Amino acid sequence: MKHWEIEHAGNHLRIEWNGSATFNLQMPVGGQWVDYHSFTTYNIDNDQDALENAIEVLEQLEPA
């Protein structure tokens, strides 16, 4: 699993990627990361593509 912690719209969030096609957007709750949205994207070539894709999805869900 690959993780990125980011700030978005004033919130501290984490993007979790399984290295293949599955992503989880997570928020901290009670000291633990909790999934609040999951999605699948195919044809991800590398970590940078994965991060960029996840941020695009995040911005569609929660405009900054």
PDB file of N, CA and C in Angstrom:
ATOM      1  N   MET A   1       0.833  -1.185   0.000  1.00  0.00           N
ATOM      2  CA  MET A   1       0.000   0.000   0.000  1.00  0.00           C
ATOM      3  C   MET A   1       0.881   1.252   0.000  1.00  0.00           C
ATOM      4  N   LYS A   2       0.444   2.219  -0.725  1.00  0.00           N
ATOM      5  CA  LYS A   2       1.104   3.522  -0.785  1.00  0.00           C
ATOM      6  C   LYS A   2       0.158   4.535  -0.154  1.00  0.00           C
ATOM      7  N   HIS A   3       0.708   5.481   0.613  1.00  0.00           N
ATOM      8  CA  HIS A   3      -0.104   6.503   1.270  1.00  0.00           C
ATOM      9  C   HIS A   3       0.464   7.884   1.000  1.00  0.00           C
ATOM     10  N   TRP A   4      -0.427   8.846   0.852  1.00  0.00           N
ATOM     11  CA  TRP A   4      -0.043  10.258   0.788  1.00  0.00           C
ATOM     12  C   TRP A   4      -0.927  11.013   1.757  1.00  0.00           C
ATOM     13  N   GLU A   5      -0.333  11.828   2.608  1.00  0.00           N
ATOM     14  CA  GLU A   5      -1.107  12.706   3.480  1.00  0.00           C
ATOM     15  C   GLU A   5      -1.074  14.095   2.876  1.00  0.00           C
ATOM     16  N   ILE A   6      -2.260  14.690   2.727  1.00  0.00           N
ATOM     17  CA  ILE A   6      -2.368  15.994   2.088  1.00  0.00           C
ATOM     18  C   ILE A   6      -3.314  16.887   2.879  1.00  0.00           C
ATOM     19  N   GLU A   7      -3.226  18.181   2.606  1.00  0.00           N
ATOM     20  CA  GLU A   7      -4.193  19.155   3.091  1.00  0.00           C
ATOM     21  C   GLU A   7      -5.073  19.523   1.911  1.00  0.00           C
ATOM     22  N   HIS A   8      -6.379  19.456   2.114  1.00  0.00           N
ATOM     23  CA  HIS A   8      -7.314  19.820   1.046  1.00  0.00           C
ATOM     24  C   HIS A   8      -8.523  20.502   1.678  1.00  0.00           C
ATOM     25  N   ALA A   9      -8.826  21.699   1.195  1.00  0.00           N
ATOM     26  CA  ALA A   9      -9.982  22.461   1.683  1.00  0.00           C
ATOM     27  C   ALA A   9      -9.954  22.585   3.203  1.00  0.00           C
ATOM     28  N   GLY A  10      -8.752  22.762   3.751  1.00  0.00           N
ATOM     29  CA  GLY A  10      -8.606  22.943   5.193  1.00  0.00           C
ATOM     30  C   GLY A  10      -8.669  21.662   6.008  1.00  0.00           C
ATOM     31  N   ASN A  11      -8.687  20.518   5.342  1.00  0.00           N
ATOM     32  CA  ASN A  11      -8.762  19.231   6.034  1.00  0.00           C
ATOM     33  C   ASN A  11      -7.499  18.418   5.796  1.00  0.00           C
ATOM     34  N   HIS A  12      -7.074  17.708   6.826  1.00  0.00           N
ATOM     35  CA  HIS A  12      -5.943  16.789   6.716  1.00  0.00           C
ATOM     36  C   HIS A  12      -6.513  15.443   6.280  1.00  0.00           C
ATOM     37  N   LEU A  13      -6.088  14.964   5.096  1.00  0.00           N
ATOM     38  CA  LEU A  13      -6.619  13.737   4.527  1.00  0.00           C
ATOM     39  C   LEU A  13      -5.491  12.799   4.126  1.00  0.00           C
ATOM     40  N   ARG A  14      -5.839  11.553   3.930  1.00  0.00           N
ATOM     41  CA  ARG A  14      -4.870  10.586   3.447  1.00  0.00           C
ATOM     42  C   ARG A  14      -5.458   9.863   2.241  1.00  0.00           C
ATOM     43  N   ILE A  15      -4.614   9.667   1.243  1.00  0.00           N
ATOM     44  CA  ILE A  15      -4.964   8.887   0.058  1.00  0.00           C
ATOM     45  C   ILE A  15      -4.218   7.568   0.184  1.00  0.00           C
ATOM     46  N   GLU A  16      -4.942   6.472   0.096  1.00  0.00           N
ATOM     47  CA  GLU A  16      -4.342   5.147   0.160  1.00  0.00           C
ATOM     48  C   GLU A  16      -4.550   4.477  -1.194  1.00  0.00           C
ATOM     49  N   TRP A  17      -3.481   3.920  -1.745  1.00  0.00           N
ATOM     50  CA  TRP A  17      -3.537   3.251  -3.052  1.00  0.00           C
ATOM     51  C   TRP A  17      -2.913   1.875  -2.900  1.00  0.00           C
ATOM     52  N   ASN A  18      -3.552   0.868  -3.466  1.00  0.00           N
ATOM     53  CA  ASN A  18      -3.051  -0.496  -3.310  1.00  0.00           C
ATOM     54  C   ASN A  18      -1.955  -0.855  -4.308  1.00  0.00           C
ATOM     55  N   GLY A  19      -1.499   0.113  -5.120  1.00  0.00           N
ATOM     56  CA  GLY A  19      -0.445  -0.145  -6.089  1.00  0.00           C
ATOM     57  C   GLY A  19      -0.959  -0.696  -7.397  1.00  0.00           C
ATOM     58  N   SER A  20      -2.281  -0.861  -7.487  1.00  0.00           N
ATOM     59  CA  SER A  20      -2.875  -1.394  -8.705  1.00  0.00           C
ATOM     60  C   SER A  20      -3.994  -0.475  -9.182  1.00  0.00           C
ATOM     61  N   ALA A  21      -5.202  -0.651  -8.665  1.00  0.00           N
ATOM     62  CA  ALA A  21      -6.341   0.109  -9.180  1.00  0.00           C
ATOM     63  C   ALA A  21      -7.264   0.668  -8.102  1.00  0.00           C
ATOM     64  N   THR A  22      -7.093   0.249  -6.858  1.00  0.00           N
ATOM     65  CA  THR A  22      -8.033   0.615  -5.801  1.00  0.00           C
ATOM     66  C   THR A  22      -7.481   1.734  -4.926  1.00  0.00           C
ATOM     67  N   PHE A  23      -8.344   2.730  -4.669  1.00  0.00           N
ATOM     68  CA  PHE A  23      -7.993   3.881  -3.847  1.00  0.00           C
ATOM     69  C   PHE A  23      -8.990   4.023  -2.710  1.00  0.00           C
ATOM     70  N   ASN A  24      -8.516   4.539  -1.571  1.00  0.00           N
ATOM     71  CA  ASN A  24      -9.368   4.927  -0.451  1.00  0.00           C
ATOM     72  C   ASN A  24      -8.991   6.340  -0.051  1.00  0.00           C
ATOM     73  N   LEU A  25      -9.992   7.185   0.115  1.00  0.00           N
ATOM     74  CA  LEU A  25      -9.775   8.505   0.699  1.00  0.00           C
ATOM     75  C   LEU A  25     -10.124   8.365   2.169  1.00  0.00           C
ATOM     76  N   GLN A  26      -9.233   8.871   3.027  1.00  0.00           N
ATOM     77  CA  GLN A  26      -9.382   8.652   4.464  1.00  0.00           C
ATOM     78  C   GLN A  26      -9.275   9.962   5.226  1.00  0.00           C
ATOM     79  N   MET A  27      -9.950   9.984   6.400  1.00  0.00           N
ATOM     80  CA  MET A  27      -9.850  11.120   7.309  1.00  0.00           C
ATOM     81  C   MET A  27      -9.503  10.587   8.700  1.00  0.00           C
ATOM     82  N   PRO A  28      -8.832  11.414   9.498  1.00  0.00           N
ATOM     83  CA  PRO A  28      -8.499  10.953  10.847  1.00  0.00           C
ATOM     84  C   PRO A  28      -9.717  11.036  11.767  1.00  0.00           C
ATOM     85  N   VAL A  29      -9.997   9.936  12.465  1.00  0.00           N
ATOM     86  CA  VAL A  29     -11.084   9.879  13.436  1.00  0.00           C
ATOM     87  C   VAL A  29     -10.564   9.124  14.646  1.00  0.00           C
ATOM     88  N   GLY A  30     -10.531   9.787  15.782  1.00  0.00           N
ATOM     89  CA  GLY A  30     -10.093   9.118  17.003  1.00  0.00           C
ATOM     90  C   GLY A  30      -8.691   8.562  16.931  1.00  0.00           C
ATOM     91  N   GLY A  31      -7.803   9.231  16.202  1.00  0.00           N
ATOM     92  CA  GLY A  31      -6.420   8.798  16.102  1.00  0.00           C
ATOM     93  C   GLY A  31      -6.168   7.707  15.072  1.00  0.00           C
ATOM     94  N   GLN A  32      -7.196   7.339  14.292  1.00  0.00           N
ATOM     95  CA  GLN A  32      -7.031   6.326  13.255  1.00  0.00           C
ATOM     96  C   GLN A  32      -7.543   6.868  11.927  1.00  0.00           C
ATOM     97  N   TRP A  33      -6.999   6.341  10.834  1.00  0.00           N
ATOM     98  CA  TRP A  33      -7.464   6.729   9.501  1.00  0.00           C
ATOM     99  C   TRP A  33      -8.680   5.889   9.147  1.00  0.00           C
ATOM    100  N   VAL A  34      -9.759   6.572   8.738  1.00  0.00           N
ATOM    101  CA  VAL A  34     -11.020   5.917   8.424  1.00  0.00           C
ATOM    102  C   VAL A  34     -11.400   6.235   6.975  1.00  0.00           C
ATOM    103  N   ASP A  35     -11.728   5.196   6.201  1.00  0.00           N
ATOM    104  CA  ASP A  35     -12.156   5.392   4.811  1.00  0.00           C
ATOM    105  C   ASP A  35     -13.476   6.149   4.777  1.00  0.00           C
ATOM    106  N   TYR A  36     -13.569   7.133   3.884  1.00  0.00           N
ATOM    107  CA  TYR A  36     -14.856   7.775   3.651  1.00  0.00           C
ATOM    108  C   TYR A  36     -15.258   7.732   2.185  1.00  0.00           C
ATOM    109  N   HIS A  37     -14.336   7.340   1.312  1.00  0.00           N
ATOM    110  CA  HIS A  37     -14.684   7.160  -0.100  1.00  0.00           C
ATOM    111  C   HIS A  37     -13.673   6.211  -0.728  1.00  0.00           C
ATOM    112  N   SER A  38     -14.167   5.251  -1.490  1.00  0.00           N
ATOM    113  CA  SER A  38     -13.309   4.306  -2.212  1.00  0.00           C
ATOM    114  C   SER A  38     -13.662   4.364  -3.686  1.00  0.00           C
ATOM    115  N   PHE A  39     -12.652   4.158  -4.529  1.00  0.00           N
ATOM    116  CA  PHE A  39     -12.894   4.143  -5.967  1.00  0.00           C
ATOM    117  C   PHE A  39     -11.817   3.325  -6.655  1.00  0.00           C
ATOM    118  N   THR A  40     -12.086   2.987  -7.901  1.00  0.00           N
ATOM    119  CA  THR A  40     -11.176   2.185  -8.700  1.00  0.00           C
ATOM    120  C   THR A  40     -10.850   2.933  -9.983  1.00  0.00           C
ATOM    121  N   THR A  41      -9.577   2.963 -10.326  1.00  0.00           N
ATOM    122  CA  THR A  41      -9.124   3.542 -11.588  1.00  0.00           C
ATOM    123  C   THR A  41      -8.084   2.597 -12.183  1.00  0.00           C
ATOM    124  N   TYR A  42      -8.294   2.231 -13.434  1.00  0.00           N
ATOM    125  CA  TYR A  42      -7.379   1.311 -14.100  1.00  0.00           C
ATOM    126  C   TYR A  42      -6.345   2.085 -14.913  1.00  0.00           C
ATOM    127  N   ASN A  43      -5.316   1.395 -15.345  1.00  0.00           N
ATOM    128  CA  ASN A  43      -4.249   1.935 -16.201  1.00  0.00           C
ATOM    129  C   ASN A  43      -3.423   3.022 -15.519  1.00  0.00           C
ATOM    130  N   ILE A  44      -3.150   2.853 -14.235  1.00  0.00           N
ATOM    131  CA  ILE A  44      -2.254   3.739 -13.509  1.00  0.00           C
ATOM    132  C   ILE A  44      -0.835   3.211 -13.734  1.00  0.00           C
ATOM    133  N   ASP A  45       0.057   4.079 -14.229  1.00  0.00           N
ATOM    134  CA  ASP A  45       1.406   3.635 -14.578  1.00  0.00           C
ATOM    135  C   ASP A  45       2.427   3.764 -13.456  1.00  0.00           C
ATOM    136  N   ASN A  46       2.225   4.735 -12.565  1.00  0.00           N
ATOM    137  CA  ASN A  46       3.233   4.969 -11.527  1.00  0.00           C
ATOM    138  C   ASN A  46       2.626   5.758 -10.376  1.00  0.00           C
ATOM    139  N   ASP A  47       3.438   6.002  -9.339  1.00  0.00           N
ATOM    140  CA  ASP A  47       2.965   6.711  -8.150  1.00  0.00           C
ATOM    141  C   ASP A  47       2.439   8.103  -8.483  1.00  0.00           C
ATOM    142  N   GLN A  48       3.118   8.810  -9.371  1.00  0.00           N
ATOM    143  CA  GLN A  48       2.699  10.169  -9.717  1.00  0.00           C
ATOM    144  C   GLN A  48       1.331  10.156 -10.395  1.00  0.00           C
ATOM    145  N   ASP A  49       1.114   9.232 -11.322  1.00  0.00           N
ATOM    146  CA  ASP A  49      -0.199   9.098 -11.965  1.00  0.00           C
ATOM    147  C   ASP A  49      -1.280   8.792 -10.933  1.00  0.00           C
ATOM    148  N   ALA A  50      -0.961   7.918  -9.990  1.00  0.00           N
ATOM    149  CA  ALA A  50      -1.924   7.540  -8.951  1.00  0.00           C
ATOM    150  C   ALA A  50      -2.307   8.757  -8.110  1.00  0.00           C
ATOM    151  N   LEU A  51      -1.318   9.514  -7.668  1.00  0.00           N
ATOM    152  CA  LEU A  51      -1.584  10.684  -6.838  1.00  0.00           C
ATOM    153  C   LEU A  51      -2.406  11.714  -7.602  1.00  0.00           C
ATOM    154  N   GLU A  52      -2.025  11.997  -8.832  1.00  0.00           N
ATOM    155  CA  GLU A  52      -2.759  12.980  -9.636  1.00  0.00           C
ATOM    156  C   GLU A  52      -4.209  12.536  -9.857  1.00  0.00           C
ATOM    157  N   ASN A  53      -4.411  11.266 -10.141  1.00  0.00           N
ATOM    158  CA  ASN A  53      -5.760  10.742 -10.328  1.00  0.00           C
ATOM    159  C   ASN A  53      -6.579  10.885  -9.048  1.00  0.00           C
ATOM    160  N   ALA A  54      -5.994  10.526  -7.924  1.00  0.00           N
ATOM    161  CA  ALA A  54      -6.719  10.600  -6.653  1.00  0.00           C
ATOM    162  C   ALA A  54      -7.084  12.043  -6.308  1.00  0.00           C
ATOM    163  N   ILE A  55      -6.201  12.988  -6.574  1.00  0.00           N
ATOM    164  CA  ILE A  55      -6.507  14.387  -6.293  1.00  0.00           C
ATOM    165  C   ILE A  55      -7.631  14.879  -7.201  1.00  0.00           C
ATOM    166  N   GLU A  56      -7.658  14.446  -8.441  1.00  0.00           N
ATOM    167  CA  GLU A  56      -8.762  14.813  -9.348  1.00  0.00           C
ATOM    168  C   GLU A  56     -10.092  14.313  -8.797  1.00  0.00           C
ATOM    169  N   VAL A  57     -10.114  13.068  -8.333  1.00  0.00           N
ATOM    170  CA  VAL A  57     -11.348  12.517  -7.751  1.00  0.00           C
ATOM    171  C   VAL A  57     -11.716  13.299  -6.509  1.00  0.00           C
ATOM    172  N   LEU A  58     -10.761  13.576  -5.657  1.00  0.00           N
ATOM    173  CA  LEU A  58     -11.001  14.335  -4.438  1.00  0.00           C
ATOM    174  C   LEU A  58     -11.605  15.705  -4.751  1.00  0.00           C
ATOM    175  N   GLU A  59     -11.071  16.380  -5.737  1.00  0.00           N
ATOM    176  CA  GLU A  59     -11.595  17.702  -6.090  1.00  0.00           C
ATOM    177  C   GLU A  59     -12.999  17.630  -6.668  1.00  0.00           C
ATOM    178  N   GLN A  60     -13.337  16.539  -7.326  1.00  0.00           N
ATOM    179  CA  GLN A  60     -14.718  16.373  -7.814  1.00  0.00           C
ATOM    180  C   GLN A  60     -15.685  16.160  -6.653  1.00  0.00           C
ATOM    181  N   LEU A  61     -15.215  15.489  -5.604  1.00  0.00           N
ATOM    182  CA  LEU A  61     -16.055  15.233  -4.437  1.00  0.00           C
ATOM    183  C   LEU A  61     -16.181  16.458  -3.543  1.00  0.00           C
ATOM    184  N   GLU A  62     -15.073  17.161  -3.348  1.00  0.00           N
ATOM    185  CA  GLU A  62     -14.997  18.283  -2.416  1.00  0.00           C
ATOM    186  C   GLU A  62     -14.264  19.451  -3.058  1.00  0.00           C
ATOM    187  N   PRO A  63     -14.938  20.242  -3.834  1.00  0.00           N
ATOM    188  CA  PRO A  63     -14.246  21.375  -4.466  1.00  0.00           C
ATOM    189  C   PRO A  63     -13.542  22.250  -3.435  1.00  0.00           C
ATOM    190  N   ALA A  64     -12.318  22.630  -3.767  1.00  0.00           N
ATOM    191  CA  ALA A  64     -11.523  23.474  -2.855  1.00  0.00           C
ATOM    192  C   ALA A  64     -12.061  24.877  -2.828  1.00  0.00           C
TER     193      ALA A  64
END
